């Protein structure tokens, strides 16, 4: 059964947004980001908004080599309005 799931995963073509916004800076945000980085294509930009934990989240992102795909900010306006044509999906 596990082999069937692996085959399905390889042959599956799933549409994904260009940008994903994760709000939060705690444990569950890190679990979600780790999962997203392993599921979505590397050209999908994952943005993290953390009002109070952005610096620690940035360190965590670097430690896990997610720097290329993940951007951390404590400024929500910067994440939403830096590219107004490409508003991120929010999770």
N, C-alpha and C. Protein backbone atom coordinates (compact mmCIF):
# COMPACT_ATOMS: atom_id res chain seq x y z
N UNK A 1 0.82 -1.20 0.00
CA UNK A 1 0.00 0.00 0.00
C UNK A 1 0.86 1.27 0.00
N UNK A 2 1.94 1.28 0.79
CA UNK A 2 2.82 2.45 0.82
C UNK A 2 3.42 2.70 -0.55
N UNK A 3 3.73 1.63 -1.28
CA UNK A 3 4.29 1.76 -2.62
C UNK A 3 3.28 2.41 -3.57
N UNK A 4 1.99 2.04 -3.44
CA UNK A 4 0.94 2.64 -4.26
C UNK A 4 0.83 4.14 -4.01
N UNK A 5 0.95 4.54 -2.75
CA UNK A 5 0.87 5.96 -2.40
C UNK A 5 2.06 6.70 -2.99
N UNK A 6 3.24 6.08 -2.94
CA UNK A 6 4.43 6.68 -3.53
C UNK A 6 4.27 6.87 -5.03
N UNK A 7 3.74 5.87 -5.72
CA UNK A 7 3.51 5.98 -7.16
C UNK A 7 2.52 7.09 -7.46
N UNK A 8 1.46 7.16 -6.67
CA UNK A 8 0.46 8.20 -6.85
C UNK A 8 1.08 9.58 -6.67
N UNK A 9 1.92 9.73 -5.65
CA UNK A 9 2.55 11.00 -5.37
C UNK A 9 3.45 11.44 -6.53
N UNK A 10 4.19 10.53 -7.11
CA UNK A 10 5.08 10.86 -8.22
C UNK A 10 4.32 11.27 -9.47
N UNK A 11 3.17 10.65 -9.72
CA UNK A 11 2.39 10.90 -10.93
C UNK A 11 1.37 12.02 -10.77
N UNK A 12 1.22 12.51 -9.58
CA UNK A 12 0.19 13.50 -9.28
C UNK A 12 0.67 14.90 -9.66
N UNK A 13 -0.17 15.64 -10.34
CA UNK A 13 0.11 17.02 -10.69
C UNK A 13 -0.92 17.89 -10.00
N UNK A 14 -0.50 18.64 -9.00
CA UNK A 14 -1.42 19.43 -8.20
C UNK A 14 -1.11 20.91 -8.42
N UNK A 15 -2.16 21.68 -8.63
CA UNK A 15 -2.00 23.11 -8.78
C UNK A 15 -1.71 23.73 -7.42
N UNK A 16 -0.83 24.70 -7.41
CA UNK A 16 -0.44 25.34 -6.16
C UNK A 16 -0.31 26.84 -6.40
N UNK A 17 -0.64 27.66 -5.40
CA UNK A 17 -0.49 29.10 -5.58
C UNK A 17 0.99 29.48 -5.66
N UNK A 18 1.26 30.66 -6.19
CA UNK A 18 2.63 31.16 -6.28
C UNK A 18 3.18 31.56 -4.91
N UNK A 19 2.29 32.03 -4.04
CA UNK A 19 2.66 32.52 -2.71
C UNK A 19 1.76 31.91 -1.66
N UNK A 20 2.34 31.57 -0.52
CA UNK A 20 1.59 31.09 0.63
C UNK A 20 2.02 31.92 1.83
N UNK A 21 1.05 32.38 2.61
CA UNK A 21 1.34 33.16 3.81
C UNK A 21 0.95 32.35 5.03
N UNK A 22 1.91 32.12 5.91
CA UNK A 22 1.67 31.44 7.18
C UNK A 22 1.76 32.51 8.26
N UNK A 23 0.71 32.61 9.07
CA UNK A 23 0.69 33.60 10.14
C UNK A 23 0.95 32.89 11.45
N UNK A 24 2.03 33.29 12.11
CA UNK A 24 2.38 32.70 13.40
C UNK A 24 3.87 32.44 13.49
N UNK A 25 4.35 32.32 14.70
CA UNK A 25 5.77 32.11 14.90
C UNK A 25 6.07 31.04 15.92
N UNK A 26 5.09 30.21 16.19
CA UNK A 26 5.27 29.17 17.20
C UNK A 26 5.51 27.80 16.60
N UNK A 27 5.36 26.80 17.45
CA UNK A 27 5.66 25.43 17.06
C UNK A 27 4.82 24.97 15.87
N UNK A 28 3.51 25.24 15.89
CA UNK A 28 2.65 24.75 14.80
C UNK A 28 2.95 25.45 13.49
N UNK A 29 3.35 26.69 13.55
CA UNK A 29 3.76 27.39 12.32
C UNK A 29 5.00 26.72 11.73
N UNK A 30 5.95 26.34 12.60
CA UNK A 30 7.16 25.66 12.12
C UNK A 30 6.83 24.30 11.53
N UNK A 31 5.91 23.57 12.16
CA UNK A 31 5.50 22.26 11.63
C UNK A 31 4.86 22.45 10.26
N UNK A 32 3.98 23.43 10.13
CA UNK A 32 3.30 23.70 8.86
C UNK A 32 4.30 24.12 7.78
N UNK A 33 5.24 24.98 8.12
CA UNK A 33 6.23 25.44 7.14
C UNK A 33 7.12 24.30 6.68
N UNK A 34 7.55 23.47 7.61
CA UNK A 34 8.37 22.31 7.26
C UNK A 34 7.61 21.39 6.30
N UNK A 35 6.35 21.15 6.59
CA UNK A 35 5.51 20.31 5.73
C UNK A 35 5.34 20.94 4.35
N UNK A 36 5.03 22.23 4.31
CA UNK A 36 4.85 22.92 3.03
C UNK A 36 6.12 22.88 2.19
N UNK A 37 7.26 23.12 2.82
CA UNK A 37 8.53 23.10 2.08
C UNK A 37 8.81 21.74 1.47
N UNK A 38 8.31 20.70 2.09
CA UNK A 38 8.52 19.35 1.57
C UNK A 38 7.44 18.92 0.58
N UNK A 39 6.34 19.67 0.50
CA UNK A 39 5.23 19.29 -0.38
C UNK A 39 5.16 20.10 -1.67
N UNK A 40 5.36 21.41 -1.56
CA UNK A 40 5.17 22.27 -2.73
C UNK A 40 6.46 22.41 -3.52
N UNK A 41 6.32 22.80 -4.77
CA UNK A 41 7.48 23.01 -5.64
C UNK A 41 8.35 24.13 -5.07
N UNK A 42 9.62 24.06 -5.33
CA UNK A 42 10.56 25.03 -4.76
C UNK A 42 10.36 26.45 -5.28
N UNK A 43 9.60 26.62 -6.37
CA UNK A 43 9.36 27.99 -6.86
C UNK A 43 8.17 28.66 -6.17
N UNK A 44 7.47 27.93 -5.29
CA UNK A 44 6.38 28.52 -4.50
C UNK A 44 7.00 29.27 -3.33
N UNK A 45 6.66 30.53 -3.21
CA UNK A 45 7.21 31.38 -2.15
C UNK A 45 6.37 31.21 -0.89
N UNK A 46 7.01 30.90 0.23
CA UNK A 46 6.32 30.76 1.51
C UNK A 46 6.72 31.95 2.37
N UNK A 47 5.73 32.76 2.72
CA UNK A 47 5.95 33.94 3.55
C UNK A 47 5.45 33.64 4.96
N UNK A 48 6.19 34.10 5.94
CA UNK A 48 5.80 33.91 7.33
C UNK A 48 5.63 35.29 7.95
N UNK A 49 4.47 35.50 8.57
CA UNK A 49 4.26 36.72 9.34
C UNK A 49 4.24 36.34 10.81
N UNK A 50 5.14 36.93 11.57
CA UNK A 50 5.18 36.72 13.01
C UNK A 50 5.42 38.07 13.68
N UNK A 51 4.42 38.55 14.38
CA UNK A 51 4.51 39.87 14.99
C UNK A 51 5.58 39.94 16.08
N UNK A 52 5.75 38.85 16.82
CA UNK A 52 6.64 38.90 17.98
C UNK A 52 7.81 37.92 17.93
N UNK A 53 7.87 37.08 16.91
CA UNK A 53 8.89 36.03 16.90
C UNK A 53 9.63 35.95 15.55
N UNK A 54 9.63 37.04 14.80
CA UNK A 54 10.22 37.02 13.45
C UNK A 54 11.72 36.71 13.48
N UNK A 55 12.45 37.25 14.43
CA UNK A 55 13.90 37.01 14.45
C UNK A 55 14.22 35.55 14.74
N UNK A 56 13.51 34.93 15.67
CA UNK A 56 13.73 33.50 15.94
C UNK A 56 13.27 32.63 14.77
N UNK A 57 12.18 33.04 14.12
CA UNK A 57 11.72 32.28 12.95
C UNK A 57 12.75 32.38 11.82
N UNK A 58 13.36 33.53 11.64
CA UNK A 58 14.39 33.69 10.62
C UNK A 58 15.57 32.76 10.89
N UNK A 59 15.97 32.67 12.15
CA UNK A 59 17.06 31.76 12.52
C UNK A 59 16.67 30.31 12.25
N UNK A 60 15.43 29.96 12.56
CA UNK A 60 14.94 28.59 12.33
C UNK A 60 14.93 28.28 10.83
N UNK A 61 14.48 29.23 10.02
CA UNK A 61 14.44 29.07 8.57
C UNK A 61 15.86 28.82 8.03
N UNK A 62 16.81 29.62 8.48
CA UNK A 62 18.20 29.45 8.03
C UNK A 62 18.77 28.10 8.48
N UNK A 63 18.49 27.73 9.71
CA UNK A 63 18.99 26.46 10.26
C UNK A 63 18.51 25.27 9.44
N UNK A 64 17.30 25.37 8.89
CA UNK A 64 16.71 24.26 8.13
C UNK A 64 16.89 24.42 6.61
N UNK A 65 17.71 25.39 6.21
CA UNK A 65 18.01 25.64 4.79
C UNK A 65 16.76 25.93 3.95
N UNK A 66 15.82 26.66 4.51
CA UNK A 66 14.62 27.06 3.79
C UNK A 66 14.75 28.48 3.24
N UNK A 67 15.93 29.09 3.37
CA UNK A 67 16.14 30.50 3.01
C UNK A 67 15.70 30.86 1.61
N UNK A 68 15.92 29.98 0.65
CA UNK A 68 15.62 30.28 -0.75
C UNK A 68 14.12 30.41 -0.97
N UNK A 69 13.34 29.62 -0.26
CA UNK A 69 11.90 29.54 -0.51
C UNK A 69 11.07 30.34 0.50
N UNK A 70 11.63 30.63 1.67
CA UNK A 70 10.85 31.20 2.77
C UNK A 70 11.33 32.60 3.12
N UNK A 71 10.36 33.49 3.33
CA UNK A 71 10.64 34.87 3.75
C UNK A 71 9.89 35.12 5.06
N UNK A 72 10.58 35.68 6.06
CA UNK A 72 9.99 35.96 7.36
C UNK A 72 9.91 37.47 7.55
N UNK A 73 8.78 37.93 8.09
CA UNK A 73 8.62 39.36 8.33
C UNK A 73 7.70 39.60 9.52
N UNK A 74 7.94 40.72 10.20
CA UNK A 74 7.02 41.16 11.26
C UNK A 74 6.15 42.30 10.74
N UNK A 75 6.27 42.61 9.45
CA UNK A 75 5.52 43.69 8.81
C UNK A 75 4.52 43.09 7.82
N UNK A 76 3.27 42.99 8.23
CA UNK A 76 2.24 42.36 7.40
C UNK A 76 2.00 43.13 6.11
N UNK A 77 2.06 44.46 6.17
CA UNK A 77 1.88 45.26 4.96
C UNK A 77 2.94 44.95 3.92
N UNK A 78 4.17 44.73 4.36
CA UNK A 78 5.26 44.41 3.44
C UNK A 78 4.96 43.10 2.69
N UNK A 79 4.43 42.12 3.40
CA UNK A 79 4.12 40.83 2.78
C UNK A 79 2.95 40.94 1.81
N UNK A 80 1.95 41.73 2.15
CA UNK A 80 0.77 41.84 1.30
C UNK A 80 0.95 42.78 0.12
N UNK A 81 1.67 43.86 0.32
CA UNK A 81 1.68 44.90 -0.70
C UNK A 81 3.00 45.07 -1.43
N UNK A 82 3.96 44.19 -1.19
CA UNK A 82 5.22 44.29 -1.93
C UNK A 82 5.01 43.94 -3.40
N UNK A 83 4.03 43.07 -3.68
CA UNK A 83 3.68 42.72 -5.05
C UNK A 83 2.18 42.58 -5.10
N UNK A 84 1.48 43.68 -5.37
CA UNK A 84 0.02 43.69 -5.28
C UNK A 84 -0.67 42.82 -6.31
N UNK A 85 0.07 42.36 -7.33
CA UNK A 85 -0.54 41.51 -8.33
C UNK A 85 -0.54 40.05 -7.92
N UNK A 86 0.14 39.73 -6.83
CA UNK A 86 0.30 38.36 -6.44
C UNK A 86 0.05 38.17 -4.94
N UNK A 87 -1.18 38.43 -4.52
CA UNK A 87 -1.56 38.29 -3.12
C UNK A 87 -1.43 36.82 -2.71
N UNK A 88 -0.81 36.56 -1.57
CA UNK A 88 -0.61 35.16 -1.15
C UNK A 88 -1.87 34.50 -0.62
N UNK A 89 -1.92 33.19 -0.74
CA UNK A 89 -2.94 32.41 -0.06
C UNK A 89 -2.56 32.38 1.43
N UNK A 90 -3.55 32.40 2.30
CA UNK A 90 -3.29 32.43 3.73
C UNK A 90 -3.69 31.10 4.36
N UNK A 91 -2.78 30.53 5.16
CA UNK A 91 -3.05 29.29 5.89
C UNK A 91 -2.86 29.51 7.36
